[in-house]
Amino acid sequence: TSTLQQTASSKLGFTPKKTMMVAQ
């Protein structure tokens, strides 16, 4: 979870909240 949120933030510009919504 943590590394997905970090990588999605740096590479895709996703907030952690958005990352988890899309992953869900």
PDB file of all heavy atoms in Angstrom:
ATOM      1  N   THR A   1       0.813  -1.222   0.000  1.00  0.00           N
ATOM      2  CA  THR A   1       0.000   0.000   0.000  1.00  0.00           C
ATOM      3  C   THR A   1       0.844   1.269   0.000  1.00  0.00           C
ATOM      4  O   THR A   1       0.632   2.171  -0.810  1.00  0.00           O
ATOM      5  CB  THR A   1      -0.938   0.013   1.218  1.00  0.00           C
ATOM      6  OG1 THR A   1      -1.734  -1.166   1.208  1.00  0.00           O
ATOM      7  CG2 THR A   1      -1.851   1.239   1.192  1.00  0.00           C
ATOM      8  N   SER A   2       1.813   1.341   0.909  1.00  0.00           N
ATOM      9  CA  SER A   2       2.588   2.575   1.049  1.00  0.00           C
ATOM     10  C   SER A   2       3.387   2.881  -0.212  1.00  0.00           C
ATOM     11  O   SER A   2       3.407   4.027  -0.682  1.00  0.00           O
ATOM     12  CB  SER A   2       3.520   2.475   2.253  1.00  0.00           C
ATOM     13  OG  SER A   2       4.394   1.368   2.116  1.00  0.00           O
ATOM     14  N   THR A   3       4.053   1.856  -0.775  1.00  0.00           N
ATOM     15  CA  THR A   3       4.882   2.116  -1.959  1.00  0.00           C
ATOM     16  C   THR A   3       4.030   2.401  -3.189  1.00  0.00           C
ATOM     17  O   THR A   3       4.438   3.168  -4.058  1.00  0.00           O
ATOM     18  CB  THR A   3       5.830   0.930  -2.228  1.00  0.00           C
ATOM     19  OG1 THR A   3       5.076  -0.297  -2.272  1.00  0.00           O
ATOM     20  CG2 THR A   3       6.888   0.832  -1.149  1.00  0.00           C
ATOM     21  N   LEU A   4       2.841   1.813  -3.247  1.00  0.00           N
ATOM     22  CA  LEU A   4       1.934   2.137  -4.360  1.00  0.00           C
ATOM     23  C   LEU A   4       1.495   3.593  -4.267  1.00  0.00           C
ATOM     24  O   LEU A   4       1.481   4.316  -5.271  1.00  0.00           O
ATOM     25  CB  LEU A   4       0.715   1.216  -4.341  1.00  0.00           C
ATOM     26  CG  LEU A   4      -0.322   1.486  -5.438  1.00  0.00           C
ATOM     27  CD1 LEU A   4       0.269   1.233  -6.829  1.00  0.00           C
ATOM     28  CD2 LEU A   4      -1.572   0.631  -5.240  1.00  0.00           C
ATOM     29  N   GLN A   5       1.148   4.051  -3.067  1.00  0.00           N
ATOM     30  CA  GLN A   5       0.731   5.441  -2.887  1.00  0.00           C
ATOM     31  C   GLN A   5       1.870   6.400  -3.225  1.00  0.00           C
ATOM     32  O   GLN A   5       1.656   7.426  -3.871  1.00  0.00           O
ATOM     33  CB  GLN A   5       0.253   5.662  -1.455  1.00  0.00           C
ATOM     34  CG  GLN A   5      -1.060   4.960  -1.136  1.00  0.00           C
ATOM     35  CD  GLN A   5      -1.470   5.115   0.315  1.00  0.00           C
ATOM     36  OE1 GLN A   5      -0.688   5.561   1.147  1.00  0.00           O
ATOM     37  NE2 GLN A   5      -2.684   4.724   0.634  1.00  0.00           N
ATOM     38  N   GLN A   6       3.088   6.050  -2.802  1.00  0.00           N
ATOM     39  CA  GLN A   6       4.236   6.920  -3.072  1.00  0.00           C
ATOM     40  C   GLN A   6       4.542   6.990  -4.562  1.00  0.00           C
ATOM     41  O   GLN A   6       4.767   8.073  -5.116  1.00  0.00           O
ATOM     42  CB  GLN A   6       5.461   6.392  -2.317  1.00  0.00           C
ATOM     43  CG  GLN A   6       5.370   6.524  -0.804  1.00  0.00           C
ATOM     44  CD  GLN A   6       6.388   5.662  -0.093  1.00  0.00           C
ATOM     45  OE1 GLN A   6       7.532   5.559  -0.512  1.00  0.00           O
ATOM     46  NE2 GLN A   6       5.976   5.011   0.989  1.00  0.00           N
ATOM     47  N   THR A   7       4.554   5.845  -5.231  1.00  0.00           N
ATOM     48  CA  THR A   7       4.886   5.811  -6.656  1.00  0.00           C
ATOM     49  C   THR A   7       3.794   6.463  -7.493  1.00  0.00           C
ATOM     50  O   THR A   7       4.080   7.187  -8.452  1.00  0.00           O
ATOM     51  CB  THR A   7       5.118   4.360  -7.122  1.00  0.00           C
ATOM     52  OG1 THR A   7       6.077   3.742  -6.267  1.00  0.00           O
ATOM     53  CG2 THR A   7       5.632   4.313  -8.547  1.00  0.00           C
ATOM     54  N   ALA A   8       2.533   6.225  -7.134  1.00  0.00           N
ATOM     55  CA  ALA A   8       1.430   6.851  -7.865  1.00  0.00           C
ATOM     56  C   ALA A   8       1.453   8.367  -7.692  1.00  0.00           C
ATOM     57  O   ALA A   8       1.076   9.108  -8.599  1.00  0.00           O
ATOM     58  CB  ALA A   8       0.094   6.286  -7.394  1.00  0.00           C
ATOM     59  N   SER A   9       1.916   8.821  -6.538  1.00  0.00           N
ATOM     60  CA  SER A   9       2.026  10.263  -6.306  1.00  0.00           C
ATOM     61  C   SER A   9       3.129  10.870  -7.172  1.00  0.00           C
ATOM     62  O   SER A   9       2.922  11.892  -7.829  1.00  0.00           O
ATOM     63  CB  SER A   9       2.308  10.530  -4.829  1.00  0.00           C
ATOM     64  OG  SER A   9       2.542  11.903  -4.597  1.00  0.00           O
ATOM     65  N   SER A  10       4.302  10.228  -7.179  1.00  0.00           N
ATOM     66  CA  SER A  10       5.442  10.801  -7.898  1.00  0.00           C
ATOM     67  C   SER A  10       5.323  10.634  -9.412  1.00  0.00           C
ATOM     68  O   SER A  10       5.712  11.518 -10.168  1.00  0.00           O
ATOM     69  CB  SER A  10       6.742  10.162  -7.401  1.00  0.00           C
ATOM     70  OG  SER A  10       6.717   8.763  -7.592  1.00  0.00           O
ATOM     71  N   LYS A  11       4.765   9.508  -9.873  1.00  0.00           N
ATOM     72  CA  LYS A  11       4.724   9.246 -11.315  1.00  0.00           C
ATOM     73  C   LYS A  11       3.412   9.670 -11.975  1.00  0.00           C
ATOM     74  O   LYS A  11       3.389  10.062 -13.132  1.00  0.00           O
ATOM     75  CB  LYS A  11       4.973   7.759 -11.584  1.00  0.00           C
ATOM     76  CG  LYS A  11       6.401   7.324 -11.307  1.00  0.00           C
ATOM     77  CD  LYS A  11       6.701   5.977 -11.937  1.00  0.00           C
ATOM     78  CE  LYS A  11       8.181   5.644 -11.822  1.00  0.00           C
ATOM     79  NZ  LYS A  11       8.527   4.383 -12.504  1.00  0.00           N
ATOM     80  N   LEU A  12       2.306   9.564 -11.233  1.00  0.00           N
ATOM     81  CA  LEU A  12       0.999   9.862 -11.830  1.00  0.00           C
ATOM     82  C   LEU A  12       0.368  11.137 -11.273  1.00  0.00           C
ATOM     83  O   LEU A  12      -0.627  11.608 -11.818  1.00  0.00           O
ATOM     84  CB  LEU A  12       0.039   8.685 -11.598  1.00  0.00           C
ATOM     85  CG  LEU A  12       0.503   7.309 -12.078  1.00  0.00           C
ATOM     86  CD1 LEU A  12      -0.552   6.253 -11.738  1.00  0.00           C
ATOM     87  CD2 LEU A  12       0.782   7.323 -13.576  1.00  0.00           C
ATOM     88  N   GLY A  13       0.928  11.654 -10.177  1.00  0.00           N
ATOM     89  CA  GLY A  13       0.333  12.848  -9.572  1.00  0.00           C
ATOM     90  C   GLY A  13      -0.934  12.553  -8.798  1.00  0.00           C
ATOM     91  O   GLY A  13      -1.709  13.455  -8.488  1.00  0.00           O
ATOM     92  N   PHE A  14      -1.179  11.274  -8.433  1.00  0.00           N
ATOM     93  CA  PHE A  14      -2.377  10.894  -7.683  1.00  0.00           C
ATOM     94  C   PHE A  14      -2.175  11.205  -6.200  1.00  0.00           C
ATOM     95  O   PHE A  14      -1.092  10.978  -5.657  1.00  0.00           O
ATOM     96  CB  PHE A  14      -2.651   9.395  -7.813  1.00  0.00           C
ATOM     97  CG  PHE A  14      -3.209   8.967  -9.151  1.00  0.00           C
ATOM     98  CD1 PHE A  14      -3.294   9.855 -10.215  1.00  0.00           C
ATOM     99  CD2 PHE A  14      -3.648   7.664  -9.350  1.00  0.00           C
ATOM    100  CE1 PHE A  14      -3.796   9.452 -11.442  1.00  0.00           C
ATOM    101  CE2 PHE A  14      -4.157   7.249 -10.566  1.00  0.00           C
ATOM    102  CZ  PHE A  14      -4.229   8.146 -11.619  1.00  0.00           C
ATOM    103  N   THR A  15      -3.215  11.686  -5.541  1.00  0.00           N
ATOM    104  CA  THR A  15      -3.177  11.777  -4.078  1.00  0.00           C
ATOM    105  C   THR A  15      -3.336  10.366  -3.518  1.00  0.00           C
ATOM    106  O   THR A  15      -3.869   9.475  -4.190  1.00  0.00           O
ATOM    107  CB  THR A  15      -4.319  12.653  -3.542  1.00  0.00           C
ATOM    108  OG1 THR A  15      -5.568  12.025  -3.875  1.00  0.00           O
ATOM    109  CG2 THR A  15      -4.274  14.047  -4.134  1.00  0.00           C
ATOM    110  N   PRO A  16      -2.889  10.125  -2.275  1.00  0.00           N
ATOM    111  CA  PRO A  16      -3.095   8.796  -1.683  1.00  0.00           C
ATOM    112  C   PRO A  16      -4.560   8.381  -1.686  1.00  0.00           C
ATOM    113  O   PRO A  16      -4.877   7.218  -1.932  1.00  0.00           O
ATOM    114  CB  PRO A  16      -2.556   8.967  -0.260  1.00  0.00           C
ATOM    115  CG  PRO A  16      -1.519  10.036  -0.382  1.00  0.00           C
ATOM    116  CD  PRO A  16      -2.063  10.992  -1.412  1.00  0.00           C
ATOM    117  N   LYS A  17      -5.442   9.338  -1.421  1.00  0.00           N
ATOM    118  CA  LYS A  17      -6.871   9.022  -1.403  1.00  0.00           C
ATOM    119  C   LYS A  17      -7.344   8.565  -2.779  1.00  0.00           C
ATOM    120  O   LYS A  17      -8.072   7.576  -2.904  1.00  0.00           O
ATOM    121  CB  LYS A  17      -7.666  10.260  -0.954  1.00  0.00           C
ATOM    122  CG  LYS A  17      -9.162  10.021  -0.837  1.00  0.00           C
ATOM    123  CD  LYS A  17      -9.860  11.282  -0.342  1.00  0.00           C
ATOM    124  CE  LYS A  17     -11.366  11.050  -0.227  1.00  0.00           C
ATOM    125  NZ  LYS A  17     -12.064  12.286   0.235  1.00  0.00           N
ATOM    126  N   LYS A  18      -6.913   9.255  -3.813  1.00  0.00           N
ATOM    127  CA  LYS A  18      -7.308   8.886  -5.172  1.00  0.00           C
ATOM    128  C   LYS A  18      -6.730   7.523  -5.544  1.00  0.00           C
ATOM    129  O   LYS A  18      -7.421   6.700  -6.169  1.00  0.00           O
ATOM    130  CB  LYS A  18      -6.835   9.951  -6.168  1.00  0.00           C
ATOM    131  CG  LYS A  18      -7.211   9.628  -7.616  1.00  0.00           C
ATOM    132  CD  LYS A  18      -6.822  10.753  -8.557  1.00  0.00           C
ATOM    133  CE  LYS A  18      -7.206  10.424  -9.997  1.00  0.00           C
ATOM    134  NZ  LYS A  18      -6.892  11.524 -10.922  1.00  0.00           N
ATOM    135  N   THR A  19      -5.480   7.286  -5.175  1.00  0.00           N
ATOM    136  CA  THR A  19      -4.851   5.998  -5.472  1.00  0.00           C
ATOM    137  C   THR A  19      -5.671   4.857  -4.894  1.00  0.00           C
ATOM    138  O   THR A  19      -5.924   3.847  -5.563  1.00  0.00           O
ATOM    139  CB  THR A  19      -3.421   5.951  -4.892  1.00  0.00           C
ATOM    140  OG1 THR A  19      -2.635   6.958  -5.528  1.00  0.00           O
ATOM    141  CG2 THR A  19      -2.772   4.596  -5.123  1.00  0.00           C
ATOM    142  N   MET A  20      -6.120   5.015  -3.642  1.00  0.00           N
ATOM    143  CA  MET A  20      -6.871   3.939  -2.997  1.00  0.00           C
ATOM    144  C   MET A  20      -8.259   3.774  -3.604  1.00  0.00           C
ATOM    145  O   MET A  20      -8.777   2.655  -3.701  1.00  0.00           O
ATOM    146  CB  MET A  20      -6.976   4.209  -1.491  1.00  0.00           C
ATOM    147  CG  MET A  20      -5.631   4.216  -0.775  1.00  0.00           C
ATOM    148  SD  MET A  20      -4.597   2.776  -1.161  1.00  0.00           S
ATOM    149  CE  MET A  20      -5.508   1.495  -0.317  1.00  0.00           C
ATOM    150  N   MET A  21      -8.876   4.847  -4.045  1.00  0.00           N
ATOM    151  CA  MET A  21     -10.189   4.747  -4.685  1.00  0.00           C
ATOM    152  C   MET A  21     -10.092   3.991  -6.010  1.00  0.00           C
ATOM    153  O   MET A  21     -10.916   3.123  -6.308  1.00  0.00           O
ATOM    154  CB  MET A  21     -10.773   6.148  -4.918  1.00  0.00           C
ATOM    155  CG  MET A  21     -11.242   6.847  -3.665  1.00  0.00           C
ATOM    156  SD  MET A  21     -11.789   8.547  -3.983  1.00  0.00           S
ATOM    157  CE  MET A  21     -13.173   8.258  -5.089  1.00  0.00           C
ATOM    158  N   VAL A  22      -9.070   4.324  -6.796  1.00  0.00           N
ATOM    159  CA  VAL A  22      -8.897   3.658  -8.083  1.00  0.00           C
ATOM    160  C   VAL A  22      -8.521   2.194  -7.872  1.00  0.00           C
ATOM    161  O   VAL A  22      -9.045   1.293  -8.540  1.00  0.00           O
ATOM    162  CB  VAL A  22      -7.827   4.378  -8.933  1.00  0.00           C
ATOM    163  CG1 VAL A  22      -7.575   3.629 -10.237  1.00  0.00           C
ATOM    164  CG2 VAL A  22      -8.251   5.816  -9.232  1.00  0.00           C
ATOM    165  N   ALA A  23      -7.624   1.942  -6.914  1.00  0.00           N
ATOM    166  CA  ALA A  23      -7.218   0.562  -6.628  1.00  0.00           C
ATOM    167  C   ALA A  23      -8.398  -0.268  -6.133  1.00  0.00           C
ATOM    168  O   ALA A  23      -8.518  -1.448  -6.468  1.00  0.00           O
ATOM    169  CB  ALA A  23      -6.097   0.556  -5.587  1.00  0.00           C
ATOM    170  N   GLN A  24      -9.280   0.348  -5.359  1.00  0.00           N
ATOM    171  CA  GLN A  24     -10.463  -0.363  -4.859  1.00  0.00           C
ATOM    172  C   GLN A  24     -11.331  -0.826  -6.014  1.00  0.00           C
ATOM    173  O   GLN A  24     -11.838  -1.955  -6.017  1.00  0.00           O
ATOM    174  CB  GLN A  24     -11.273   0.559  -3.941  1.00  0.00           C
ATOM    175  CG  GLN A  24     -12.498  -0.101  -3.339  1.00  0.00           C
ATOM    176  CD  GLN A  24     -12.393  -0.283  -1.844  1.00  0.00           C
ATOM    177  OE1 GLN A  24     -11.526   0.278  -1.199  1.00  0.00           O
ATOM    178  NE2 GLN A  24     -13.256  -1.093  -1.293  1.00  0.00           N
TER     179      GLN A  24
END
